[in-house]
Amino acid sequence: STLAHLGEVELPVKLALEEMASDNWNVRYFAVKALGDVKGDAAVAPLMACLGMELKRIVACEKMTGFDERMYQTACKLLADRTGQKHGLDPVAWADWWETARKKYGGAEWKLNREDAARAFAEYQKGQK
């Protein structure tokens, strides 16, 4: 977003998190892309929040569609770029990392049913073969 390019942090983060509540995958996708423009570590906690919200959608649908995949992959890539973590698309690995890292980034606890997330991820991986 233009505001993020100008160095503004709070408003782009607030708007992106609001847009993540949309039922429209395209709105959610561009919300995550906008977080990619936020400089420094300020985007890590909101990106994790977005990743968590998207995972809940995926688990609720019991599948990851092509649109969800694009959104989810973008969030994981941005997180990897910002944090140096190499968890790929594995939601359980991201959740495990976040348990200890969230204090550093000022983020909220991630309430994730790991079994459901692992099951959704396993189904996604089957579809990729």
N, C-alpha and C. Protein backbone atom coordinates (compact mmCIF):
# COMPACT_ATOMS: atom_id res chain seq x y z
N SER A 1 0.83 -1.18 0.00
CA SER A 1 0.00 0.00 0.00
C SER A 1 0.88 1.24 0.00
N THR A 2 0.34 2.33 -0.47
CA THR A 2 1.08 3.59 -0.54
C THR A 2 1.48 4.05 0.85
N LEU A 3 0.58 3.91 1.82
CA LEU A 3 0.90 4.33 3.18
C LEU A 3 2.10 3.57 3.73
N ALA A 4 2.15 2.28 3.48
CA ALA A 4 3.27 1.48 3.96
C ALA A 4 4.57 1.90 3.29
N HIS A 5 4.49 2.21 2.00
CA HIS A 5 5.69 2.68 1.29
C HIS A 5 6.19 3.99 1.87
N LEU A 6 5.29 4.78 2.43
CA LEU A 6 5.67 6.06 3.03
C LEU A 6 6.15 5.90 4.48
N GLY A 7 6.15 4.66 4.96
CA GLY A 7 6.65 4.42 6.31
C GLY A 7 5.57 4.30 7.36
N GLU A 8 4.32 4.51 6.99
CA GLU A 8 3.21 4.35 7.94
C GLU A 8 3.05 2.87 8.26
N VAL A 9 2.84 2.56 9.53
CA VAL A 9 2.73 1.16 9.93
C VAL A 9 1.33 0.84 10.47
N GLU A 10 0.86 1.62 11.42
CA GLU A 10 -0.38 1.27 12.13
C GLU A 10 -1.60 1.19 11.22
N LEU A 11 -1.82 2.17 10.37
CA LEU A 11 -3.02 2.18 9.54
C LEU A 11 -3.02 1.05 8.51
N PRO A 12 -1.93 0.81 7.77
CA PRO A 12 -1.95 -0.33 6.84
C PRO A 12 -2.18 -1.67 7.53
N VAL A 13 -1.62 -1.84 8.73
CA VAL A 13 -1.82 -3.09 9.47
C VAL A 13 -3.28 -3.21 9.89
N LYS A 14 -3.85 -2.13 10.42
CA LYS A 14 -5.25 -2.14 10.86
C LYS A 14 -6.17 -2.46 9.68
N LEU A 15 -5.95 -1.81 8.55
CA LEU A 15 -6.80 -2.04 7.38
C LEU A 15 -6.66 -3.47 6.85
N ALA A 16 -5.44 -3.98 6.82
CA ALA A 16 -5.22 -5.34 6.33
C ALA A 16 -5.93 -6.35 7.22
N LEU A 17 -5.85 -6.17 8.52
CA LEU A 17 -6.51 -7.11 9.42
C LEU A 17 -8.03 -7.04 9.27
N GLU A 18 -8.57 -5.85 9.05
CA GLU A 18 -10.01 -5.72 8.80
C GLU A 18 -10.40 -6.43 7.50
N GLU A 19 -9.58 -6.27 6.47
CA GLU A 19 -9.87 -6.89 5.18
C GLU A 19 -9.77 -8.41 5.22
N MET A 20 -9.01 -8.95 6.16
CA MET A 20 -8.88 -10.40 6.28
C MET A 20 -10.20 -11.04 6.71
N ALA A 21 -11.12 -10.27 7.23
CA ALA A 21 -12.42 -10.81 7.62
C ALA A 21 -13.35 -11.00 6.43
N SER A 22 -12.96 -10.50 5.28
CA SER A 22 -13.81 -10.59 4.08
C SER A 22 -13.99 -12.03 3.62
N ASP A 23 -15.15 -12.31 3.06
CA ASP A 23 -15.39 -13.63 2.44
C ASP A 23 -14.77 -13.71 1.06
N ASN A 24 -14.36 -12.59 0.52
CA ASN A 24 -13.79 -12.54 -0.82
C ASN A 24 -12.28 -12.82 -0.74
N TRP A 25 -11.86 -13.92 -1.35
CA TRP A 25 -10.44 -14.32 -1.29
C TRP A 25 -9.54 -13.24 -1.88
N ASN A 26 -10.02 -12.54 -2.90
CA ASN A 26 -9.21 -11.51 -3.56
C ASN A 26 -8.90 -10.36 -2.60
N VAL A 27 -9.89 -9.96 -1.81
CA VAL A 27 -9.69 -8.90 -0.81
C VAL A 27 -8.66 -9.37 0.21
N ARG A 28 -8.80 -10.61 0.67
CA ARG A 28 -7.84 -11.15 1.66
C ARG A 28 -6.44 -11.24 1.08
N TYR A 29 -6.34 -11.66 -0.17
CA TYR A 29 -5.04 -11.77 -0.82
C TYR A 29 -4.33 -10.42 -0.86
N PHE A 30 -5.03 -9.38 -1.28
CA PHE A 30 -4.39 -8.08 -1.37
C PHE A 30 -4.13 -7.47 0.01
N ALA A 31 -4.88 -7.90 1.01
CA ALA A 31 -4.58 -7.47 2.38
C ALA A 31 -3.23 -8.02 2.80
N VAL A 32 -2.99 -9.29 2.50
CA VAL A 32 -1.69 -9.90 2.84
C VAL A 32 -0.58 -9.26 2.03
N LYS A 33 -0.82 -9.02 0.74
CA LYS A 33 0.19 -8.36 -0.10
C LYS A 33 0.54 -6.98 0.48
N ALA A 34 -0.47 -6.27 0.97
CA ALA A 34 -0.22 -4.94 1.56
C ALA A 34 0.66 -5.06 2.80
N LEU A 35 0.48 -6.11 3.58
CA LEU A 35 1.35 -6.30 4.75
C LEU A 35 2.80 -6.51 4.32
N GLY A 36 3.00 -7.04 3.14
CA GLY A 36 4.35 -7.21 2.63
C GLY A 36 5.07 -5.89 2.42
N ASP A 37 4.31 -4.81 2.29
CA ASP A 37 4.90 -3.49 2.10
C ASP A 37 5.27 -2.81 3.42
N VAL A 38 4.77 -3.33 4.52
CA VAL A 38 5.08 -2.75 5.84
C VAL A 38 6.53 -3.10 6.17
N LYS A 39 7.29 -2.11 6.53
CA LYS A 39 8.72 -2.29 6.77
C LYS A 39 9.01 -2.96 8.10
N GLY A 40 10.09 -3.72 8.12
CA GLY A 40 10.61 -4.30 9.36
C GLY A 40 9.75 -5.40 9.94
N ASP A 41 9.94 -5.61 11.23
CA ASP A 41 9.26 -6.68 11.95
C ASP A 41 7.79 -6.37 12.25
N ALA A 42 7.35 -5.15 12.00
CA ALA A 42 5.98 -4.75 12.34
C ALA A 42 4.93 -5.59 11.63
N ALA A 43 5.29 -6.22 10.52
CA ALA A 43 4.32 -7.01 9.77
C ALA A 43 4.23 -8.46 10.23
N VAL A 44 5.17 -8.93 11.05
CA VAL A 44 5.22 -10.35 11.40
C VAL A 44 3.98 -10.79 12.17
N ALA A 45 3.63 -10.11 13.25
CA ALA A 45 2.46 -10.50 14.05
C ALA A 45 1.18 -10.42 13.22
N PRO A 46 0.96 -9.34 12.44
CA PRO A 46 -0.24 -9.31 11.60
C PRO A 46 -0.25 -10.41 10.53
N LEU A 47 0.91 -10.74 9.98
CA LEU A 47 0.96 -11.82 8.99
C LEU A 47 0.61 -13.15 9.65
N MET A 48 1.08 -13.37 10.86
CA MET A 48 0.72 -14.60 11.57
C MET A 48 -0.77 -14.62 11.86
N ALA A 49 -1.34 -13.47 12.22
CA ALA A 49 -2.79 -13.40 12.46
C ALA A 49 -3.55 -13.74 11.19
N CYS A 50 -3.08 -13.20 10.06
CA CYS A 50 -3.72 -13.48 8.77
C CYS A 50 -3.60 -14.96 8.41
N LEU A 51 -2.43 -15.52 8.65
CA LEU A 51 -2.22 -16.93 8.36
C LEU A 51 -3.17 -17.78 9.21
N GLY A 52 -3.32 -17.41 10.45
CA GLY A 52 -4.24 -18.13 11.34
C GLY A 52 -5.68 -18.04 10.87
N MET A 53 -6.10 -16.85 10.45
CA MET A 53 -7.47 -16.68 9.95
C MET A 53 -7.70 -17.52 8.70
N GLU A 54 -6.73 -17.53 7.82
CA GLU A 54 -6.88 -18.29 6.58
C GLU A 54 -6.90 -19.79 6.86
N LEU A 55 -6.08 -20.22 7.79
CA LEU A 55 -6.08 -21.64 8.17
C LEU A 55 -7.43 -22.07 8.72
N LYS A 56 -8.05 -21.21 9.52
CA LYS A 56 -9.37 -21.54 10.06
C LYS A 56 -10.38 -21.70 8.93
N ARG A 57 -10.30 -20.86 7.90
CA ARG A 57 -11.19 -20.99 6.74
C ARG A 57 -10.95 -22.31 6.02
N ILE A 58 -9.68 -22.63 5.82
CA ILE A 58 -9.32 -23.85 5.10
C ILE A 58 -9.79 -25.09 5.87
N VAL A 59 -9.56 -25.10 7.17
CA VAL A 59 -9.97 -26.25 7.99
C VAL A 59 -11.49 -26.36 8.00
N ALA A 60 -12.19 -25.23 8.09
CA ALA A 60 -13.65 -25.25 8.10
C ALA A 60 -14.21 -25.84 6.80
N CYS A 61 -13.55 -25.54 5.69
CA CYS A 61 -13.98 -26.07 4.39
C CYS A 61 -13.43 -27.47 4.14
N GLU A 62 -12.49 -27.88 4.98
CA GLU A 62 -11.81 -29.17 4.85
C GLU A 62 -11.08 -29.33 3.53
N LYS A 63 -10.68 -28.20 2.94
CA LYS A 63 -9.88 -28.26 1.72
C LYS A 63 -9.27 -26.89 1.46
N MET A 64 -8.27 -26.89 0.61
CA MET A 64 -7.62 -25.65 0.21
C MET A 64 -7.83 -25.51 -1.29
N THR A 65 -8.57 -24.50 -1.70
CA THR A 65 -8.81 -24.28 -3.12
C THR A 65 -7.62 -23.54 -3.72
N GLY A 66 -7.61 -23.40 -5.01
CA GLY A 66 -6.53 -22.65 -5.67
C GLY A 66 -6.41 -21.23 -5.16
N PHE A 67 -7.54 -20.62 -4.86
CA PHE A 67 -7.51 -19.25 -4.36
C PHE A 67 -6.93 -19.20 -2.95
N ASP A 68 -7.36 -20.12 -2.10
CA ASP A 68 -6.82 -20.19 -0.75
C ASP A 68 -5.31 -20.44 -0.80
N GLU A 69 -4.93 -21.30 -1.72
CA GLU A 69 -3.52 -21.64 -1.87
C GLU A 69 -2.67 -20.40 -2.15
N ARG A 70 -3.13 -19.58 -3.07
CA ARG A 70 -2.40 -18.35 -3.44
C ARG A 70 -2.25 -17.44 -2.23
N MET A 71 -3.33 -17.26 -1.50
CA MET A 71 -3.34 -16.40 -0.32
C MET A 71 -2.40 -16.97 0.74
N TYR A 72 -2.54 -18.24 1.00
CA TYR A 72 -1.77 -18.91 2.04
C TYR A 72 -0.28 -18.93 1.69
N GLN A 73 0.04 -19.25 0.45
CA GLN A 73 1.44 -19.29 0.01
C GLN A 73 2.09 -17.91 0.15
N THR A 74 1.35 -16.88 -0.20
CA THR A 74 1.89 -15.52 -0.09
C THR A 74 2.19 -15.17 1.36
N ALA A 75 1.28 -15.49 2.26
CA ALA A 75 1.50 -15.20 3.68
C ALA A 75 2.72 -15.97 4.20
N CYS A 76 2.84 -17.25 3.84
CA CYS A 76 3.99 -18.05 4.29
C CYS A 76 5.30 -17.51 3.74
N LYS A 77 5.30 -17.10 2.47
CA LYS A 77 6.52 -16.56 1.86
C LYS A 77 6.93 -15.26 2.54
N LEU A 78 5.97 -14.38 2.77
CA LEU A 78 6.29 -13.12 3.43
C LEU A 78 6.82 -13.36 4.85
N LEU A 79 6.22 -14.31 5.55
CA LEU A 79 6.72 -14.64 6.90
C LEU A 79 8.13 -15.19 6.84
N ALA A 80 8.39 -16.07 5.89
CA ALA A 80 9.74 -16.63 5.76
C ALA A 80 10.75 -15.53 5.44
N ASP A 81 10.37 -14.62 4.55
CA ASP A 81 11.26 -13.51 4.18
C ASP A 81 11.56 -12.63 5.39
N ARG A 82 10.55 -12.37 6.22
CA ARG A 82 10.72 -11.47 7.35
C ARG A 82 11.44 -12.11 8.53
N THR A 83 11.22 -13.40 8.71
CA THR A 83 11.72 -14.05 9.93
C THR A 83 12.93 -14.95 9.71
N GLY A 84 13.16 -15.33 8.46
CA GLY A 84 14.24 -16.26 8.17
C GLY A 84 13.87 -17.71 8.46
N GLN A 85 12.64 -17.95 8.86
CA GLN A 85 12.17 -19.31 9.17
C GLN A 85 11.91 -20.06 7.86
N LYS A 86 12.16 -21.35 7.89
CA LYS A 86 11.99 -22.17 6.70
C LYS A 86 10.95 -23.27 6.95
N HIS A 87 9.73 -22.83 7.26
CA HIS A 87 8.65 -23.77 7.55
C HIS A 87 7.79 -24.07 6.33
N GLY A 88 8.10 -23.41 5.23
CA GLY A 88 7.32 -23.64 4.03
C GLY A 88 5.85 -23.37 4.27
N LEU A 89 5.01 -24.30 3.88
CA LEU A 89 3.56 -24.14 4.03
C LEU A 89 3.01 -24.93 5.21
N ASP A 90 3.88 -25.51 6.02
CA ASP A 90 3.46 -26.37 7.13
C ASP A 90 2.83 -25.55 8.26
N PRO A 91 1.51 -25.63 8.43
CA PRO A 91 0.85 -24.81 9.45
C PRO A 91 1.25 -25.18 10.87
N VAL A 92 1.50 -26.45 11.12
CA VAL A 92 1.87 -26.87 12.47
C VAL A 92 3.27 -26.35 12.81
N ALA A 93 4.18 -26.38 11.84
CA ALA A 93 5.53 -25.84 12.08
C ALA A 93 5.46 -24.35 12.37
N TRP A 94 4.64 -23.61 11.64
CA TRP A 94 4.48 -22.18 11.90
C TRP A 94 3.89 -21.96 13.29
N ALA A 95 2.90 -22.76 13.65
CA ALA A 95 2.27 -22.62 14.97
C ALA A 95 3.26 -22.92 16.08
N ASP A 96 4.07 -23.96 15.91
CA ASP A 96 5.07 -24.30 16.92
C ASP A 96 6.09 -23.18 17.07
N TRP A 97 6.55 -22.63 15.95
CA TRP A 97 7.51 -21.53 16.00
C TRP A 97 6.89 -20.32 16.70
N TRP A 98 5.63 -20.03 16.38
CA TRP A 98 4.97 -18.85 16.91
C TRP A 98 4.80 -18.90 18.43
N GLU A 99 4.69 -20.08 18.99
CA GLU A 99 4.54 -20.21 20.44
C GLU A 99 5.67 -19.53 21.19
N THR A 100 6.89 -19.64 20.68
CA THR A 100 8.02 -19.00 21.35
C THR A 100 8.35 -17.62 20.76
N ALA A 101 8.07 -17.42 19.48
CA ALA A 101 8.47 -16.17 18.82
C ALA A 101 7.48 -15.03 19.03
N ARG A 102 6.26 -15.33 19.41
CA ARG A 102 5.23 -14.28 19.45
C ARG A 102 5.56 -13.16 20.43
N LYS A 103 6.26 -13.47 21.51
CA LYS A 103 6.63 -12.43 22.46
C LYS A 103 7.58 -11.42 21.83
N LYS A 104 8.52 -11.91 21.04
CA LYS A 104 9.47 -11.03 20.35
C LYS A 104 8.75 -10.07 19.41
N TYR A 105 7.72 -10.56 18.74
CA TYR A 105 7.01 -9.77 17.73
C TYR A 105 5.76 -9.09 18.26
N GLY A 106 5.44 -9.29 19.52
CA GLY A 106 4.27 -8.65 20.11
C GLY A 106 2.95 -9.18 19.58
N GLY A 107 2.92 -10.47 19.28
CA GLY A 107 1.71 -11.04 18.70
C GLY A 107 0.88 -11.81 19.71
N ALA A 108 -0.34 -12.07 19.30
CA ALA A 108 -1.28 -12.80 20.14
C ALA A 108 -1.05 -14.30 20.02
N GLU A 109 -1.57 -15.02 21.00
CA GLU A 109 -1.50 -16.48 20.95
C GLU A 109 -2.30 -16.96 19.75
N TRP A 110 -1.81 -18.00 19.14
CA TRP A 110 -2.45 -18.59 17.96
C TRP A 110 -3.25 -19.77 18.41
N LYS A 111 -4.56 -19.67 18.36
CA LYS A 111 -5.41 -20.80 18.75
C LYS A 111 -5.68 -21.62 17.49
N LEU A 112 -4.98 -22.74 17.39
CA LEU A 112 -5.06 -23.57 16.20
C LEU A 112 -5.25 -25.02 16.62
N ASN A 113 -6.24 -25.64 16.05
CA ASN A 113 -6.40 -27.08 16.26
C ASN A 113 -5.38 -27.74 15.35
N ARG A 114 -4.28 -28.18 15.94
CA ARG A 114 -3.17 -28.72 15.16
C ARG A 114 -3.57 -29.96 14.36
N GLU A 115 -4.42 -30.80 14.93
CA GLU A 115 -4.85 -32.00 14.21
C GLU A 115 -5.62 -31.64 12.95
N ASP A 116 -6.56 -30.70 13.07
CA ASP A 116 -7.34 -30.28 11.90
C ASP A 116 -6.44 -29.60 10.86
N ALA A 117 -5.51 -28.77 11.34
CA ALA A 117 -4.60 -28.08 10.42
C ALA A 117 -3.70 -29.09 9.71
N ALA A 118 -3.19 -30.06 10.46
CA ALA A 118 -2.33 -31.08 9.86
C ALA A 118 -3.11 -31.90 8.83
N ARG A 119 -4.36 -32.20 9.13
CA ARG A 119 -5.20 -32.96 8.21
C ARG A 119 -5.45 -32.16 6.92
N ALA A 120 -5.79 -30.89 7.05
CA ALA A 120 -6.02 -30.04 5.88
C ALA A 120 -4.75 -29.91 5.04
N PHE A 121 -3.61 -29.79 5.72
CA PHE A 121 -2.34 -29.67 5.01
C PHE A 121 -2.00 -30.97 4.29
N ALA A 122 -2.26 -32.10 4.94
CA ALA A 122 -2.00 -33.40 4.31
C ALA A 122 -2.87 -33.58 3.06
N GLU A 123 -4.12 -33.15 3.13
CA GLU A 123 -5.01 -33.23 1.96
C GLU A 123 -4.49 -32.34 0.84
N TYR A 124 -4.03 -31.17 1.22
CA TYR A 124 -3.46 -30.24 0.23
C TYR A 124 -2.25 -30.87 -0.44
N GLN A 125 -1.36 -31.48 0.36
CA GLN A 125 -0.16 -32.09 -0.20
C GLN A 125 -0.50 -33.25 -1.15
N LYS A 126 -1.53 -34.03 -0.83
CA LYS A 126 -1.96 -35.11 -1.73
C LYS A 126 -2.36 -34.55 -3.08
N GLY A 127 -3.05 -33.42 -3.06
CA GLY A 127 -3.50 -32.80 -4.30
C GLY A 127 -2.37 -32.21 -5.13
N GLN A 128 -1.23 -31.99 -4.51
CA GLN A 128 -0.08 -31.42 -5.23
C GLN A 128 0.74 -32.48 -5.96
N LYS A 129 0.50 -33.75 -5.67
CA LYS A 129 1.29 -34.83 -6.28
C LYS A 129 0.73 -35.26 -7.61
